[in-house]
Amino acid sequence: MTTTDFHYKLVNLQGGLTRLARSLTSDREDAKDLVQETFLKALKYKDKFAPGTNFKAWTFTILKNTYINCYHRTVRQTNYSDQTREHPYMNPVYASGLEDPDSLYGSKEIEKLVESLEDDFKLPFKMYQQGFKYREIAEALNLNLGTLKSRMYISRQKLMKKLNS
């Protein structure tokens, strides 16, 4: 494939890539950044594309993997502090005077428990903690929605078992 053909095919996929990026990020600017990063990687690694294979699938895989890598980077940088303690009216648990669930276990211990899950359970669980919807997680990880729901249920069961022991 010539460089011109490669660029032409890449530009023609921009709309589809943008739609997928928007569904993954739920933010227009983040989606634009993700598509731009995908274009840069596709151009950088164009020699890795095997002629005769599906160009669209190759490009969409780059986008999906870039998104997942960015998610991993974000998770590592996330601070798990709960800002609602300072504003109890924002969190009914603190306002009610009930036992704070986080006080039973420190956030580091809970984070360790989540980290102890197998990767098939840990990544979806962490994405859910970050606020992603089940549909978004399923698309990002290329899972059926039913499979994702099952993994989330099993993750919660495993964590409950570890918390109770």
Protein backbone atom coordinates (compact mmCIF):
# COMPACT_ATOMS: atom_id res chain seq x y z
CA MET A 1 0.00 0.00 0.00
CA THR A 2 1.39 3.39 -0.93
CA THR A 3 1.74 6.16 1.62
CA THR A 4 -0.99 8.13 -0.13
CA ASP A 5 -3.39 5.16 0.03
CA PHE A 6 -2.53 4.66 3.69
CA HIS A 7 -3.26 8.31 4.52
CA TYR A 8 -6.49 8.24 2.48
CA LYS A 9 -7.77 5.14 4.29
CA LEU A 10 -6.80 6.59 7.66
CA VAL A 11 -8.62 9.88 7.03
CA ASN A 12 -11.72 7.98 5.86
CA LEU A 13 -11.85 6.17 9.22
CA GLN A 14 -11.75 9.40 11.24
CA GLY A 15 -15.54 9.55 11.73
CA GLY A 16 -15.80 5.97 12.98
CA LEU A 17 -12.75 6.35 15.20
CA THR A 18 -14.17 9.55 16.67
CA ARG A 19 -17.51 7.87 17.43
CA LEU A 20 -15.79 4.98 19.21
CA ALA A 21 -13.50 7.36 21.09
CA ARG A 22 -16.51 9.44 22.21
CA SER A 23 -18.28 6.32 23.47
CA LEU A 24 -15.18 5.28 25.41
CA THR A 25 -14.24 8.65 26.87
CA SER A 26 -17.64 10.39 27.09
CA ASP A 27 -15.78 13.63 26.46
CA ARG A 28 -15.34 15.44 23.13
CA GLU A 29 -11.84 16.77 23.84
CA ASP A 30 -10.55 13.46 25.23
CA ALA A 31 -12.01 11.72 22.17
CA LYS A 32 -10.18 14.12 19.83
CA ASP A 33 -6.94 13.49 21.72
CA LEU A 34 -7.46 9.73 21.52
CA VAL A 35 -8.10 9.83 17.76
CA GLN A 36 -5.05 12.05 17.24
CA GLU A 37 -2.90 9.64 19.27
CA THR A 38 -4.30 6.76 17.20
CA PHE A 39 -3.38 8.54 13.96
CA LEU A 40 0.14 9.19 15.22
CA LYS A 41 0.63 5.55 16.21
CA ALA A 42 -0.84 4.28 12.93
CA LEU A 43 1.53 6.51 10.97
CA LYS A 44 4.49 5.58 13.15
CA TYR A 45 3.83 1.84 12.81
CA LYS A 46 2.45 1.75 9.25
CA ASP A 47 5.21 -0.69 8.32
CA LYS A 48 3.67 -3.13 10.84
CA PHE A 49 0.39 -3.23 8.90
CA ALA A 50 0.18 -6.44 6.90
CA PRO A 51 -1.21 -5.79 3.40
CA GLY A 52 -4.30 -7.83 2.70
CA THR A 53 -5.54 -7.67 6.28
CA ASN A 54 -8.37 -5.52 7.61
CA PHE A 55 -7.08 -1.94 7.86
CA LYS A 56 -10.15 -0.76 9.77
CA ALA A 57 -9.80 -3.49 12.41
CA TRP A 58 -6.08 -2.73 12.76
CA THR A 59 -6.74 0.98 13.28
CA PHE A 60 -9.63 0.44 15.71
CA THR A 61 -7.42 -1.96 17.71
CA ILE A 62 -4.78 0.76 17.99
CA LEU A 63 -7.44 3.14 19.33
CA LYS A 64 -8.77 0.59 21.83
CA ASN A 65 -5.29 -0.33 23.08
CA THR A 66 -4.31 3.33 23.37
CA TYR A 67 -7.45 3.97 25.41
CA ILE A 68 -6.74 1.01 27.72
CA ASN A 69 -3.10 2.07 28.21
CA CYS A 70 -4.25 5.60 29.03
CA TYR A 71 -6.74 4.13 31.52
CA HIS A 72 -3.96 2.13 33.23
CA ARG A 73 -1.85 5.28 33.46
CA THR A 74 -4.79 7.18 35.00
CA VAL A 75 -5.47 4.44 37.55
CA ARG A 76 -1.86 4.50 38.72
CA GLN A 77 -2.06 8.26 39.20
CA THR A 78 -5.45 8.28 40.92
CA ASN A 79 -5.61 9.45 44.48
CA TYR A 80 -8.23 7.44 46.33
CA SER A 81 -9.04 10.08 48.92
CA ASP A 82 -12.71 10.84 49.56
CA GLN A 83 -13.31 14.57 49.35
CA THR A 84 -16.88 14.30 50.71
CA ARG A 85 -15.64 13.95 54.31
CA GLU A 86 -15.03 17.68 54.30
CA HIS A 87 -18.59 18.31 53.05
CA PRO A 88 -20.89 15.87 54.87
CA TYR A 89 -24.00 17.23 53.17
CA MET A 90 -22.65 15.73 49.93
CA ASN A 91 -22.45 12.23 51.41
CA PRO A 92 -25.38 10.85 53.40
CA VAL A 93 -23.20 8.29 55.23
CA TYR A 94 -21.20 11.02 56.93
CA ALA A 95 -24.25 13.22 57.53
CA SER A 96 -26.24 10.36 59.09
CA GLY A 97 -23.65 9.61 61.77
CA LEU A 98 -23.51 5.95 60.65
CA GLU A 99 -20.24 4.06 60.73
CA ASP A 100 -18.08 5.17 57.84
CA PRO A 101 -17.38 2.06 55.72
CA ASP A 102 -13.97 3.43 54.79
CA SER A 103 -12.99 3.67 58.44
CA LEU A 104 -13.35 -0.09 58.81
CA TYR A 105 -10.67 -0.65 56.20
CA GLY A 106 -8.13 1.87 55.03
CA SER A 107 -8.17 2.79 51.37
CA LYS A 108 -4.74 1.17 50.97
CA GLU A 109 -6.07 -2.16 52.28
CA ILE A 110 -9.07 -1.99 49.97
CA GLU A 111 -6.80 -1.11 47.08
CA LYS A 112 -4.63 -4.16 47.92
CA LEU A 113 -7.72 -6.38 47.92
CA VAL A 114 -8.75 -5.08 44.51
CA GLU A 115 -5.19 -5.55 43.24
CA SER A 116 -5.28 -9.17 44.42
CA LEU A 117 -8.10 -9.96 41.99
CA GLU A 118 -7.21 -11.77 38.77
CA ASP A 119 -6.75 -9.42 35.79
CA ASP A 120 -10.04 -10.54 34.19
CA PHE A 121 -11.85 -9.22 37.27
CA LYS A 122 -9.55 -6.41 38.38
CA LEU A 123 -9.55 -4.23 35.25
CA PRO A 124 -13.35 -4.09 34.81
CA PHE A 125 -13.78 -3.45 38.54
CA LYS A 126 -11.28 -0.59 38.48
CA MET A 127 -12.88 0.92 35.40
CA TYR A 128 -16.24 0.80 37.17
CA GLN A 129 -14.67 2.53 40.19
CA GLN A 130 -13.50 5.28 37.85
CA GLY A 131 -17.09 5.91 36.79
CA PHE A 132 -17.30 4.03 33.51
CA LYS A 133 -20.66 2.48 32.66
CA TYR A 134 -20.94 -1.27 32.07
CA ARG A 135 -21.56 -0.69 28.35
CA GLU A 136 -18.40 1.43 28.07
CA ILE A 137 -16.31 -1.13 29.93
CA ALA A 138 -17.64 -3.97 27.79
CA GLU A 139 -16.79 -2.08 24.59
CA ALA A 140 -13.33 -1.08 25.79
CA LEU A 141 -12.44 -4.62 26.83
CA ASN A 142 -14.21 -6.25 23.88
CA LEU A 143 -16.55 -8.26 26.13
CA ASN A 144 -20.21 -9.15 25.91
CA LEU A 145 -22.29 -7.14 28.37
CA GLY A 146 -23.45 -10.36 30.07
CA THR A 147 -19.86 -11.53 30.53
CA LEU A 148 -18.93 -8.18 32.05
CA LYS A 149 -21.87 -8.25 34.46
CA SER A 150 -20.89 -11.76 35.52
CA ARG A 151 -17.29 -10.69 36.14
CA MET A 152 -18.43 -7.68 38.16
CA TYR A 153 -20.67 -9.91 40.29
CA ILE A 154 -17.84 -12.39 40.88
CA SER A 155 -15.45 -9.51 41.70
CA ARG A 156 -17.83 -8.19 44.35
CA GLN A 157 -18.30 -11.68 45.79
CA LYS A 158 -14.55 -12.26 45.98
CA LEU A 159 -13.97 -8.89 47.64
CA MET A 160 -16.78 -9.49 50.15
CA LYS A 161 -15.29 -12.88 51.01
CA LYS A 162 -11.84 -11.32 51.52
CA LEU A 163 -13.29 -8.49 53.63
CA ASN A 164 -15.18 -10.94 55.84
CA SER A 165 -12.17 -13.18 56.44
